[in-house]
Amino acid sequence: NTGDILLIGKNKKSMQQAFREVKKMNGGIVIVEDEQIICSVQLPIGGVLSNKPVEDLIEEELVLKRELAARGFKHGDAIYTLLFLQATHLPYVRITQKGIFDVMKKQVLFPALMR
């Protein structure tokens, strides 16, 4: 909702690669593992919408869900998960520009950049 790019990961190099790919696509979702792009969903309209036929987009989302599940993601809808992770009007832990933020305690648990 903020237009920010959300990077989630452990490997800084892979996160940088995902960032570059998202910028190149003008928005979207990218999974990078071992410096390889595993899958991507291009969302060039405002970084959140696609201009592809819905049938093509459905196929891309199925690939995204399959690849996330293969990596341990157990929730149903990755796109809504990404949206809600940033929603500070909801309680509990959220991701903000400042870092991992506990909404109930109004405190940063982990800063955005940890060295």
PDB file of N, CA and C in Angstrom:
ATOM      1  N   ASN A   1       0.809  -1.207   0.000  1.00  0.00           N
ATOM      2  CA  ASN A   1       0.000   0.000   0.000  1.00  0.00           C
ATOM      3  C   ASN A   1       0.842   1.256   0.000  1.00  0.00           C
ATOM      4  N   THR A   2       2.067   1.167   0.497  1.00  0.00           N
ATOM      5  CA  THR A   2       2.919   2.350   0.588  1.00  0.00           C
ATOM      6  C   THR A   2       3.722   2.573  -0.679  1.00  0.00           C
ATOM      7  N   GLY A   3       3.799   1.581  -1.535  1.00  0.00           N
ATOM      8  CA  GLY A   3       4.638   1.673  -2.721  1.00  0.00           C
ATOM      9  C   GLY A   3       6.065   1.265  -2.443  1.00  0.00           C
ATOM     10  N   ASP A   4       6.342   0.867  -1.215  1.00  0.00           N
ATOM     11  CA  ASP A   4       7.681   0.412  -0.860  1.00  0.00           C
ATOM     12  C   ASP A   4       7.924  -0.982  -1.418  1.00  0.00           C
ATOM     13  N   ILE A   5       9.188  -1.287  -1.632  1.00  0.00           N
ATOM     14  CA  ILE A   5       9.571  -2.638  -2.026  1.00  0.00           C
ATOM     15  C   ILE A   5       9.872  -3.406  -0.753  1.00  0.00           C
ATOM     16  N   LEU A   6       9.254  -4.545  -0.601  1.00  0.00           N
ATOM     17  CA  LEU A   6       9.418  -5.384   0.578  1.00  0.00           C
ATOM     18  C   LEU A   6      10.357  -6.532   0.224  1.00  0.00           C
ATOM     19  N   LEU A   7      11.484  -6.616   0.916  1.00  0.00           N
ATOM     20  CA  LEU A   7      12.448  -7.688   0.700  1.00  0.00           C
ATOM     21  C   LEU A   7      12.478  -8.564   1.941  1.00  0.00           C
ATOM     22  N   ILE A   8      12.259  -9.852   1.755  1.00  0.00           N
ATOM     23  CA  ILE A   8      12.288 -10.792   2.870  1.00  0.00           C
ATOM     24  C   ILE A   8      13.291 -11.878   2.522  1.00  0.00           C
ATOM     25  N   GLY A   9      14.248 -12.091   3.396  1.00  0.00           N
ATOM     26  CA  GLY A   9      15.227 -13.128   3.112  1.00  0.00           C
ATOM     27  C   GLY A   9      16.363 -13.131   4.094  1.00  0.00           C
ATOM     28  N   LYS A  10      17.291 -14.043   3.856  1.00  0.00           N
ATOM     29  CA  LYS A  10      18.466 -14.176   4.707  1.00  0.00           C
ATOM     30  C   LYS A  10      19.749 -13.852   3.954  1.00  0.00           C
ATOM     31  N   ASN A  11      19.715 -13.986   2.634  1.00  0.00           N
ATOM     32  CA  ASN A  11      20.905 -13.800   1.831  1.00  0.00           C
ATOM     33  C   ASN A  11      20.866 -12.423   1.161  1.00  0.00           C
ATOM     34  N   LYS A  12      21.772 -11.550   1.572  1.00  0.00           N
ATOM     35  CA  LYS A  12      21.776 -10.171   1.083  1.00  0.00           C
ATOM     36  C   LYS A  12      21.944 -10.115  -0.440  1.00  0.00           C
ATOM     37  N   LYS A  13      22.791 -10.962  -0.984  1.00  0.00           N
ATOM     38  CA  LYS A  13      23.030 -10.978  -2.429  1.00  0.00           C
ATOM     39  C   LYS A  13      21.757 -11.359  -3.193  1.00  0.00           C
ATOM     40  N   SER A  14      21.051 -12.370  -2.713  1.00  0.00           N
ATOM     41  CA  SER A  14      19.799 -12.787  -3.348  1.00  0.00           C
ATOM     42  C   SER A  14      18.727 -11.711  -3.226  1.00  0.00           C
ATOM     43  N   MET A  15      18.703 -11.033  -2.081  1.00  0.00           N
ATOM     44  CA  MET A  15      17.731  -9.961  -1.890  1.00  0.00           C
ATOM     45  C   MET A  15      18.018  -8.796  -2.834  1.00  0.00           C
ATOM     46  N   GLN A  16      19.294  -8.483  -3.035  1.00  0.00           N
ATOM     47  CA  GLN A  16      19.663  -7.430  -3.977  1.00  0.00           C
ATOM     48  C   GLN A  16      19.280  -7.824  -5.406  1.00  0.00           C
ATOM     49  N   GLN A  17      19.473  -9.093  -5.735  1.00  0.00           N
ATOM     50  CA  GLN A  17      19.101  -9.579  -7.060  1.00  0.00           C
ATOM     51  C   GLN A  17      17.587  -9.486  -7.262  1.00  0.00           C
ATOM     52  N   ALA A  18      16.832  -9.869  -6.244  1.00  0.00           N
ATOM     53  CA  ALA A  18      15.370  -9.770  -6.322  1.00  0.00           C
ATOM     54  C   ALA A  18      14.946  -8.308  -6.480  1.00  0.00           C
ATOM     55  N   PHE A  19      15.598  -7.420  -5.743  1.00  0.00           N
ATOM     56  CA  PHE A  19      15.305  -5.989  -5.842  1.00  0.00           C
ATOM     57  C   PHE A  19      15.519  -5.483  -7.274  1.00  0.00           C
ATOM     58  N   ARG A  20      16.657  -5.826  -7.856  1.00  0.00           N
ATOM     59  CA  ARG A  20      16.947  -5.393  -9.233  1.00  0.00           C
ATOM     60  C   ARG A  20      15.920  -5.940 -10.217  1.00  0.00           C
ATOM     61  N   GLU A  21      15.502  -7.176 -10.026  1.00  0.00           N
ATOM     62  CA  GLU A  21      14.517  -7.789 -10.931  1.00  0.00           C
ATOM     63  C   GLU A  21      13.151  -7.116 -10.799  1.00  0.00           C
ATOM     64  N   VAL A  22      12.729  -6.819  -9.572  1.00  0.00           N
ATOM     65  CA  VAL A  22      11.457  -6.131  -9.351  1.00  0.00           C
ATOM     66  C   VAL A  22      11.487  -4.746 -10.007  1.00  0.00           C
ATOM     67  N   LYS A  23      12.610  -4.048  -9.860  1.00  0.00           N
ATOM     68  CA  LYS A  23      12.737  -2.729 -10.501  1.00  0.00           C
ATOM     69  C   LYS A  23      12.674  -2.859 -12.019  1.00  0.00           C
ATOM     70  N   LYS A  24      13.345  -3.865 -12.565  1.00  0.00           N
ATOM     71  CA  LYS A  24      13.365  -4.080 -14.015  1.00  0.00           C
ATOM     72  C   LYS A  24      11.955  -4.362 -14.545  1.00  0.00           C
ATOM     73  N   MET A  25      11.140  -5.076 -13.748  1.00  0.00           N
ATOM     74  CA  MET A  25       9.768  -5.423 -14.145  1.00  0.00           C
ATOM     75  C   MET A  25       8.783  -4.288 -13.860  1.00  0.00           C
ATOM     76  N   ASN A  26       9.242  -3.219 -13.211  1.00  0.00           N
ATOM     77  CA  ASN A  26       8.368  -2.122 -12.777  1.00  0.00           C
ATOM     78  C   ASN A  26       7.341  -2.580 -11.754  1.00  0.00           C
ATOM     79  N   GLY A  27       7.730  -3.526 -10.927  1.00  0.00           N
ATOM     80  CA  GLY A  27       6.865  -4.008  -9.857  1.00  0.00           C
ATOM     81  C   GLY A  27       6.542  -5.477 -10.011  1.00  0.00           C
ATOM     82  N   GLY A  28       6.340  -6.126  -8.893  1.00  0.00           N
ATOM     83  CA  GLY A  28       5.971  -7.526  -8.925  1.00  0.00           C
ATOM     84  C   GLY A  28       6.512  -8.299  -7.744  1.00  0.00           C
ATOM     85  N   ILE A  29       6.550  -9.606  -7.923  1.00  0.00           N
ATOM     86  CA  ILE A  29       7.020 -10.515  -6.882  1.00  0.00           C
ATOM     87  C   ILE A  29       8.066 -11.426  -7.513  1.00  0.00           C
ATOM     88  N   VAL A  30       9.184 -11.601  -6.811  1.00  0.00           N
ATOM     89  CA  VAL A  30      10.286 -12.409  -7.333  1.00  0.00           C
ATOM     90  C   VAL A  30      10.798 -13.316  -6.225  1.00  0.00           C
ATOM     91  N   ILE A  31      11.057 -14.564  -6.566  1.00  0.00           N
ATOM     92  CA  ILE A  31      11.730 -15.493  -5.651  1.00  0.00           C
ATOM     93  C   ILE A  31      13.109 -15.773  -6.238  1.00  0.00           C
ATOM     94  N   VAL A  32      14.147 -15.530  -5.423  1.00  0.00           N
ATOM     95  CA  VAL A  32      15.524 -15.816  -5.818  1.00  0.00           C
ATOM     96  C   VAL A  32      16.101 -16.802  -4.813  1.00  0.00           C
ATOM     97  N   GLU A  33      16.755 -17.827  -5.323  1.00  0.00           N
ATOM     98  CA  GLU A  33      17.417 -18.812  -4.462  1.00  0.00           C
ATOM     99  C   GLU A  33      18.728 -19.215  -5.113  1.00  0.00           C
ATOM    100  N   ASP A  34      19.805 -19.222  -4.339  1.00  0.00           N
ATOM    101  CA  ASP A  34      21.130 -19.565  -4.863  1.00  0.00           C
ATOM    102  C   ASP A  34      21.473 -18.753  -6.111  1.00  0.00           C
ATOM    103  N   GLU A  35      21.133 -17.465  -6.046  1.00  0.00           N
ATOM    104  CA  GLU A  35      21.419 -16.517  -7.120  1.00  0.00           C
ATOM    105  C   GLU A  35      20.725 -16.852  -8.441  1.00  0.00           C
ATOM    106  N   GLN A  36      19.655 -17.625  -8.360  1.00  0.00           N
ATOM    107  CA  GLN A  36      18.843 -17.961  -9.530  1.00  0.00           C
ATOM    108  C   GLN A  36      17.422 -17.460  -9.308  1.00  0.00           C
ATOM    109  N   ILE A  37      16.843 -16.846 -10.337  1.00  0.00           N
ATOM    110  CA  ILE A  37      15.447 -16.434 -10.244  1.00  0.00           C
ATOM    111  C   ILE A  37      14.592 -17.680 -10.421  1.00  0.00           C
ATOM    112  N   ILE A  38      13.861 -18.028  -9.376  1.00  0.00           N
ATOM    113  CA  ILE A  38      13.027 -19.234  -9.368  1.00  0.00           C
ATOM    114  C   ILE A  38      11.697 -18.954 -10.057  1.00  0.00           C
ATOM    115  N   CYS A  39      11.082 -17.838  -9.726  1.00  0.00           N
ATOM    116  CA  CYS A  39       9.846 -17.440 -10.394  1.00  0.00           C
ATOM    117  C   CYS A  39       9.618 -15.959 -10.174  1.00  0.00           C
ATOM    118  N   SER A  40       8.772 -15.402 -11.024  1.00  0.00           N
ATOM    119  CA  SER A  40       8.436 -13.991 -10.881  1.00  0.00           C
ATOM    120  C   SER A  40       7.033 -13.755 -11.423  1.00  0.00           C
ATOM    121  N   VAL A  41       6.386 -12.769 -10.827  1.00  0.00           N
ATOM    122  CA  VAL A  41       5.072 -12.321 -11.275  1.00  0.00           C
ATOM    123  C   VAL A  41       5.200 -10.824 -11.525  1.00  0.00           C
ATOM    124  N   GLN A  42       5.098 -10.425 -12.773  1.00  0.00           N
ATOM    125  CA  GLN A  42       5.249  -9.020 -13.139  1.00  0.00           C
ATOM    126  C   GLN A  42       3.949  -8.274 -12.853  1.00  0.00           C
ATOM    127  N   LEU A  43       4.062  -7.161 -12.101  1.00  0.00           N
ATOM    128  CA  LEU A  43       2.913  -6.316 -11.757  1.00  0.00           C
ATOM    129  C   LEU A  43       3.270  -4.862 -12.071  1.00  0.00           C
ATOM    130  N   PRO A  44       3.279  -4.500 -13.348  1.00  0.00           N
ATOM    131  CA  PRO A  44       3.806  -3.197 -13.754  1.00  0.00           C
ATOM    132  C   PRO A  44       2.876  -1.998 -13.533  1.00  0.00           C
ATOM    133  N   ILE A  45       1.625  -2.229 -13.271  1.00  0.00           N
ATOM    134  CA  ILE A  45       0.696  -1.113 -13.063  1.00  0.00           C
ATOM    135  C   ILE A  45       0.714  -0.739 -11.590  1.00  0.00           C
ATOM    136  N   GLY A  46       1.449   0.318 -11.293  1.00  0.00           N
ATOM    137  CA  GLY A  46       1.579   0.766  -9.910  1.00  0.00           C
ATOM    138  C   GLY A  46       2.306  -0.219  -9.021  1.00  0.00           C
ATOM    139  N   GLY A  47       2.941  -1.217  -9.615  1.00  0.00           N
ATOM    140  CA  GLY A  47       3.650  -2.221  -8.835  1.00  0.00           C
ATOM    141  C   GLY A  47       2.747  -3.249  -8.182  1.00  0.00           C
ATOM    142  N   VAL A  48       1.434  -3.178  -8.452  1.00  0.00           N
ATOM    143  CA  VAL A  48       0.504  -4.096  -7.788  1.00  0.00           C
ATOM    144  C   VAL A  48      -0.515  -4.750  -8.722  1.00  0.00           C
ATOM    145  N   LEU A  49      -0.578  -4.288  -9.978  1.00  0.00           N
ATOM    146  CA  LEU A  49      -1.552  -4.836 -10.921  1.00  0.00           C
ATOM    147  C   LEU A  49      -0.852  -5.320 -12.187  1.00  0.00           C
ATOM    148  N   SER A  50      -1.472  -6.297 -12.839  1.00  0.00           N
ATOM    149  CA  SER A  50      -0.930  -6.846 -14.076  1.00  0.00           C
ATOM    150  C   SER A  50      -1.741  -6.367 -15.270  1.00  0.00           C
ATOM    151  N   ASN A  51      -1.086  -6.301 -16.406  1.00  0.00           N
ATOM    152  CA  ASN A  51      -1.776  -5.985 -17.654  1.00  0.00           C
ATOM    153  C   ASN A  51      -1.931  -7.220 -18.542  1.00  0.00           C
ATOM    154  N   LYS A  52      -1.642  -8.397 -17.984  1.00  0.00           N
ATOM    155  CA  LYS A  52      -1.751  -9.655 -18.727  1.00  0.00           C
ATOM    156  C   LYS A  52      -3.177 -10.189 -18.650  1.00  0.00           C
ATOM    157  N   PRO A  53      -3.537 -11.064 -19.582  1.00  0.00           N
ATOM    158  CA  PRO A  53      -4.839 -11.734 -19.472  1.00  0.00           C
ATOM    159  C   PRO A  53      -4.905 -12.517 -18.156  1.00  0.00           C
ATOM    160  N   VAL A  54      -6.072 -12.539 -17.557  1.00  0.00           N
ATOM    161  CA  VAL A  54      -6.238 -13.177 -16.249  1.00  0.00           C
ATOM    162  C   VAL A  54      -5.822 -14.649 -16.280  1.00  0.00           C
ATOM    163  N   GLU A  55      -6.017 -15.322 -17.407  1.00  0.00           N
ATOM    164  CA  GLU A  55      -5.622 -16.738 -17.508  1.00  0.00           C
ATOM    165  C   GLU A  55      -4.111 -16.891 -17.332  1.00  0.00           C
ATOM    166  N   ASP A  56      -3.344 -15.974 -17.919  1.00  0.00           N
ATOM    167  CA  ASP A  56      -1.887 -16.025 -17.774  1.00  0.00           C
ATOM    168  C   ASP A  56      -1.471 -15.716 -16.340  1.00  0.00           C
ATOM    169  N   LEU A  57      -2.124 -14.757 -15.752  1.00  0.00           N
ATOM    170  CA  LEU A  57      -1.818 -14.366 -14.381  1.00  0.00           C
ATOM    171  C   LEU A  57      -2.129 -15.499 -13.397  1.00  0.00           C
ATOM    172  N   ILE A  58      -3.207 -16.213 -13.642  1.00  0.00           N
ATOM    173  CA  ILE A  58      -3.554 -17.363 -12.794  1.00  0.00           C
ATOM    174  C   ILE A  58      -2.440 -18.402 -12.833  1.00  0.00           C
ATOM    175  N   GLU A  59      -1.921 -18.674 -14.019  1.00  0.00           N
ATOM    176  CA  GLU A  59      -0.820 -19.642 -14.157  1.00  0.00           C
ATOM    177  C   GLU A  59       0.418 -19.185 -13.395  1.00  0.00           C
ATOM    178  N   GLU A  60       0.749 -17.902 -13.515  1.00  0.00           N
ATOM    179  CA  GLU A  60       1.913 -17.374 -12.802  1.00  0.00           C
ATOM    180  C   GLU A  60       1.732 -17.463 -11.290  1.00  0.00           C
ATOM    181  N   GLU A  61       0.519 -17.185 -10.816  1.00  0.00           N
ATOM    182  CA  GLU A  61       0.260 -17.270  -9.375  1.00  0.00           C
ATOM    183  C   GLU A  61       0.360 -18.718  -8.885  1.00  0.00           C
ATOM    184  N   LEU A  62      -0.095 -19.659  -9.684  1.00  0.00           N
ATOM    185  CA  LEU A  62       0.017 -21.072  -9.306  1.00  0.00           C
ATOM    186  C   LEU A  62       1.482 -21.490  -9.175  1.00  0.00           C
ATOM    187  N   VAL A  63       2.316 -21.021 -10.095  1.00  0.00           N
ATOM    188  CA  VAL A  63       3.753 -21.308 -10.006  1.00  0.00           C
ATOM    189  C   VAL A  63       4.332 -20.677  -8.741  1.00  0.00           C
ATOM    190  N   LEU A  64       3.967 -19.421  -8.479  1.00  0.00           N
ATOM    191  CA  LEU A  64       4.427 -18.734  -7.272  1.00  0.00           C
ATOM    192  C   LEU A  64       4.040 -19.523  -6.019  1.00  0.00           C
ATOM    193  N   LYS A  65       2.782 -19.926  -5.930  1.00  0.00           N
ATOM    194  CA  LYS A  65       2.316 -20.686  -4.760  1.00  0.00           C
ATOM    195  C   LYS A  65       3.060 -22.013  -4.627  1.00  0.00           C
ATOM    196  N   ARG A  66       3.268 -22.697  -5.729  1.00  0.00           N
ATOM    197  CA  ARG A  66       3.975 -23.981  -5.702  1.00  0.00           C
ATOM    198  C   ARG A  66       5.419 -23.796  -5.225  1.00  0.00           C
ATOM    199  N   GLU A  67       6.096 -22.783  -5.743  1.00  0.00           N
ATOM    200  CA  GLU A  67       7.489 -22.540  -5.360  1.00  0.00           C
ATOM    201  C   GLU A  67       7.601 -22.111  -3.898  1.00  0.00           C
ATOM    202  N   LEU A  68       6.671 -21.298  -3.434  1.00  0.00           N
ATOM    203  CA  LEU A  68       6.674 -20.904  -2.024  1.00  0.00           C
ATOM    204  C   LEU A  68       6.405 -22.108  -1.117  1.00  0.00           C
ATOM    205  N   ALA A  69       5.447 -22.941  -1.500  1.00  0.00           N
ATOM    206  CA  ALA A  69       5.134 -24.139  -0.702  1.00  0.00           C
ATOM    207  C   ALA A  69       6.346 -25.067  -0.633  1.00  0.00           C
ATOM    208  N   ALA A  70       7.061 -25.185  -1.730  1.00  0.00           N
ATOM    209  CA  ALA A  70       8.255 -26.037  -1.752  1.00  0.00           C
ATOM    210  C   ALA A  70       9.337 -25.507  -0.810  1.00  0.00           C
ATOM    211  N   ARG A  71       9.236 -24.230  -0.448  1.00  0.00           N
ATOM    212  CA  ARG A  71      10.208 -23.616   0.449  1.00  0.00           C
ATOM    213  C   ARG A  71       9.651 -23.395   1.854  1.00  0.00           C
ATOM    214  N   GLY A  72       8.505 -24.050   2.140  1.00  0.00           N
ATOM    215  CA  GLY A  72       7.976 -24.041   3.498  1.00  0.00           C
ATOM    216  C   GLY A  72       6.863 -23.059   3.786  1.00  0.00           C
ATOM    217  N   PHE A  73       6.419 -22.289   2.796  1.00  0.00           N
ATOM    218  CA  PHE A  73       5.316 -21.352   3.030  1.00  0.00           C
ATOM    219  C   PHE A  73       4.031 -22.153   3.172  1.00  0.00           C
ATOM    220  N   LYS A  74       3.369 -22.027   4.322  1.00  0.00           N
ATOM    221  CA  LYS A  74       2.206 -22.867   4.632  1.00  0.00           C
ATOM    222  C   LYS A  74       0.869 -22.146   4.504  1.00  0.00           C
ATOM    223  N   HIS A  75       0.902 -20.859   4.192  1.00  0.00           N
ATOM    224  CA  HIS A  75      -0.330 -20.078   4.140  1.00  0.00           C
ATOM    225  C   HIS A  75      -0.912 -20.107   2.734  1.00  0.00           C
ATOM    226  N   GLY A  76      -2.186 -19.796   2.619  1.00  0.00           N
ATOM    227  CA  GLY A  76      -2.873 -19.935   1.349  1.00  0.00           C
ATOM    228  C   GLY A  76      -2.569 -18.892   0.308  1.00  0.00           C
ATOM    229  N   ASP A  77      -2.498 -17.645   0.677  1.00  0.00           N
ATOM    230  CA  ASP A  77      -2.402 -16.593  -0.316  1.00  0.00           C
ATOM    231  C   ASP A  77      -1.207 -15.692  -0.038  1.00  0.00           C
ATOM    232  N   ALA A  78      -0.156 -15.888  -0.793  1.00  0.00           N
ATOM    233  CA  ALA A  78       1.088 -15.136  -0.582  1.00  0.00           C
ATOM    234  C   ALA A  78       0.904 -13.643  -0.833  1.00  0.00           C
ATOM    235  N   ILE A  79       0.114 -13.281  -1.810  1.00  0.00           N
ATOM    236  CA  ILE A  79      -0.051 -11.872  -2.148  1.00  0.00           C
ATOM    237  C   ILE A  79      -0.726 -11.123  -0.999  1.00  0.00           C
ATOM    238  N   TYR A  80      -1.783 -11.684  -0.432  1.00  0.00           N
ATOM    239  CA  TYR A  80      -2.421 -11.036   0.717  1.00  0.00           C
ATOM    240  C   TYR A  80      -1.520 -11.057   1.942  1.00  0.00           C
ATOM    241  N   THR A  81      -0.741 -12.108   2.101  1.00  0.00           N
ATOM    242  CA  THR A  81       0.201 -12.155   3.214  1.00  0.00           C
ATOM    243  C   THR A  81       1.166 -10.986   3.124  1.00  0.00           C
ATOM    244  N   LEU A  82       1.690 -10.720   1.918  1.00  0.00           N
ATOM    245  CA  LEU A  82       2.609  -9.595   1.744  1.00  0.00           C
ATOM    246  C   LEU A  82       1.931  -8.264   2.059  1.00  0.00           C
ATOM    247  N   LEU A  83       0.683  -8.117   1.641  1.00  0.00           N
ATOM    248  CA  LEU A  83      -0.053  -6.887   1.937  1.00  0.00           C
ATOM    249  C   LEU A  83      -0.284  -6.716   3.438  1.00  0.00           C
ATOM    250  N   PHE A  84      -0.724  -7.785   4.094  1.00  0.00           N
ATOM    251  CA  PHE A  84      -1.051  -7.689   5.512  1.00  0.00           C
ATOM    252  C   PHE A  84       0.187  -7.562   6.396  1.00  0.00           C
ATOM    253  N   LEU A  85       1.341  -8.067   5.937  1.00  0.00           N
ATOM    254  CA  LEU A  85       2.567  -7.916   6.723  1.00  0.00           C
ATOM    255  C   LEU A  85       2.922  -6.453   6.944  1.00  0.00           C
ATOM    256  N   GLN A  86       2.469  -5.587   6.052  1.00  0.00           N
ATOM    257  CA  GLN A  86       2.787  -4.165   6.129  1.00  0.00           C
ATOM    258  C   GLN A  86       1.679  -3.338   6.793  1.00  0.00           C
ATOM    259  N   ALA A  87       0.552  -3.957   7.081  1.00  0.00           N
ATOM    260  CA  ALA A  87      -0.639  -3.227   7.534  1.00  0.00           C
ATOM    261  C   ALA A  87      -0.567  -2.914   9.028  1.00  0.00           C
ATOM    262  N   THR A  88      -0.053  -1.742   9.359  1.00  0.00           N
ATOM    263  CA  THR A  88       0.130  -1.382  10.772  1.00  0.00           C
ATOM    264  C   THR A  88      -1.171  -1.018  11.476  1.00  0.00           C
ATOM    265  N   HIS A  89      -2.274  -0.996  10.752  1.00  0.00           N
ATOM    266  CA  HIS A  89      -3.565  -0.802  11.428  1.00  0.00           C
ATOM    267  C   HIS A  89      -4.058  -2.116  12.031  1.00  0.00           C
ATOM    268  N   LEU A  90      -3.364  -3.220  11.712  1.00  0.00           N
ATOM    269  CA  LEU A  90      -3.673  -4.525  12.299  1.00  0.00           C
ATOM    270  C   LEU A  90      -2.731  -4.773  13.475  1.00  0.00           C
ATOM    271  N   PRO A  91      -3.165  -5.545  14.457  1.00  0.00           N
ATOM    272  CA  PRO A  91      -2.311  -5.776  15.631  1.00  0.00           C
ATOM    273  C   PRO A  91      -1.170  -6.755  15.350  1.00  0.00           C
ATOM    274  N   TYR A  92      -0.301  -6.862  16.328  1.00  0.00           N
ATOM    275  CA  TYR A  92       0.814  -7.793  16.377  1.00  0.00           C
ATOM    276  C   TYR A  92       1.993  -7.320  15.537  1.00  0.00           C
ATOM    277  N   VAL A  93       2.768  -8.220  15.010  1.00  0.00           N
ATOM    278  CA  VAL A  93       4.031  -7.880  14.360  1.00  0.00           C
ATOM    279  C   VAL A  93       3.817  -7.563  12.881  1.00  0.00           C
ATOM    280  N   ARG A  94       4.408  -6.447  12.429  1.00  0.00           N
ATOM    281  CA  ARG A  94       4.293  -5.998  11.036  1.00  0.00           C
ATOM    282  C   ARG A  94       5.664  -5.564  10.529  1.00  0.00           C
ATOM    283  N   ILE A  95       5.790  -5.490   9.220  1.00  0.00           N
ATOM    284  CA  ILE A  95       7.024  -5.019   8.592  1.00  0.00           C
ATOM    285  C   ILE A  95       6.806  -3.573   8.154  1.00  0.00           C
ATOM    286  N   THR A  96       7.693  -2.688   8.618  1.00  0.00           N
ATOM    287  CA  THR A  96       7.602  -1.269   8.270  1.00  0.00           C
ATOM    288  C   THR A  96       8.951  -0.804   7.721  1.00  0.00           C
ATOM    289  N   GLN A  97       9.019   0.467   7.318  1.00  0.00           N
ATOM    290  CA  GLN A  97      10.284   1.035   6.859  1.00  0.00           C
ATOM    291  C   GLN A  97      11.328   1.030   7.966  1.00  0.00           C
ATOM    292  N   LYS A  98      10.878   1.081   9.211  1.00  0.00           N
ATOM    293  CA  LYS A  98      11.806   1.081  10.343  1.00  0.00           C
ATOM    294  C   LYS A  98      12.312  -0.320  10.671  1.00  0.00           C
ATOM    295  N   GLY A  99      11.587  -1.347  10.257  1.00  0.00           N
ATOM    296  CA  GLY A  99      11.971  -2.721  10.540  1.00  0.00           C
ATOM    297  C   GLY A  99      10.771  -3.534  10.996  1.00  0.00           C
ATOM    298  N   ILE A 100      11.045  -4.634  11.689  1.00  0.00           N
ATOM    299  CA  ILE A 100       9.992  -5.472  12.245  1.00  0.00           C
ATOM    300  C   ILE A 100       9.424  -4.734  13.454  1.00  0.00           C
ATOM    301  N   PHE A 101       8.129  -4.458  13.415  1.00  0.00           N
ATOM    302  CA  PHE A 101       7.503  -3.565  14.379  1.00  0.00           C
ATOM    303  C   PHE A 101       6.385  -4.272  15.124  1.00  0.00           C
ATOM    304  N   ASP A 102       6.402  -4.191  16.451  1.00  0.00           N
ATOM    305  CA  ASP A 102       5.337  -4.723  17.293  1.00  0.00           C
ATOM    306  C   ASP A 102       4.297  -3.617  17.468  1.00  0.00           C
ATOM    307  N   VAL A 103       3.161  -3.754  16.808  1.00  0.00           N
ATOM    308  CA  VAL A 103       2.124  -2.719  16.817  1.00  0.00           C
ATOM    309  C   VAL A 103       1.556  -2.523  18.218  1.00  0.00           C
ATOM    310  N   MET A 104       1.344  -3.613  18.934  1.00  0.00           N
ATOM    311  CA  MET A 104       0.739  -3.520  20.265  1.00  0.00           C
ATOM    312  C   MET A 104       1.642  -2.786  21.257  1.00  0.00           C
ATOM    313  N   LYS A 105       2.953  -3.034  21.187  1.00  0.00           N
ATOM    314  CA  LYS A 105       3.900  -2.395  22.102  1.00  0.00           C
ATOM    315  C   LYS A 105       4.493  -1.109  21.534  1.00  0.00           C
ATOM    316  N   LYS A 106       4.192  -0.839  20.257  1.00  0.00           N
ATOM    317  CA  LYS A 106       4.712   0.351  19.573  1.00  0.00           C
ATOM    318  C   LYS A 106       6.235   0.432  19.649  1.00  0.00           C
ATOM    319  N   GLN A 107       6.883  -0.689  19.306  1.00  0.00           N
ATOM    320  CA  GLN A 107       8.338  -0.689  19.336  1.00  0.00           C
ATOM    321  C   GLN A 107       8.922  -1.530  18.197  1.00  0.00           C
ATOM    322  N   VAL A 108      10.097  -1.106  17.736  1.00  0.00           N
ATOM    323  CA  VAL A 108      10.813  -1.840  16.690  1.00  0.00           C
ATOM    324  C   VAL A 108      11.502  -3.026  17.352  1.00  0.00           C
ATOM    325  N   LEU A 109      11.226  -4.230  16.858  1.00  0.00           N
ATOM    326  CA  LEU A 109      11.854  -5.424  17.390  1.00  0.00           C
ATOM    327  C   LEU A 109      13.203  -5.681  16.740  1.00  0.00           C
ATOM    328  N   PHE A 110      13.260  -5.483  15.406  1.00  0.00           N
ATOM    329  CA  PHE A 110      14.492  -5.647  14.650  1.00  0.00           C
ATOM    330  C   PHE A 110      14.563  -4.502  13.635  1.00  0.00           C
ATOM    331  N   PRO A 111      15.652  -3.773  13.589  1.00  0.00           N
ATOM    332  CA  PRO A 111      15.737  -2.676  12.629  1.00  0.00           C
ATOM    333  C   PRO A 111      15.723  -3.179  11.187  1.00  0.00           C
ATOM    334  N   ALA A 112      15.366  -2.291  10.269  1.00  0.00           N
ATOM    335  CA  ALA A 112      15.247  -2.655   8.852  1.00  0.00           C
ATOM    336  C   ALA A 112      16.541  -3.239   8.294  1.00  0.00           C
ATOM    337  N   LEU A 113      17.659  -2.675   8.683  1.00  0.00           N
ATOM    338  CA  LEU A 113      18.944  -3.190   8.230  1.00  0.00           C
ATOM    339  C   LEU A 113      19.742  -3.627   9.436  1.00  0.00           C
ATOM    340  N   MET A 114      20.033  -4.922   9.469  1.00  0.00           N
ATOM    341  CA  MET A 114      20.862  -5.460  10.563  1.00  0.00           C
ATOM    342  C   MET A 114      22.189  -5.864   9.964  1.00  0.00           C
ATOM    343  N   ARG A 115      23.244  -5.517  10.610  1.00  0.00           N
ATOM    344  CA  ARG A 115      24.582  -5.841  10.081  1.00  0.00           C
ATOM    345  C   ARG A 115      25.177  -6.988  10.831  1.00  0.00           C
TER     346      ARG A 115
END
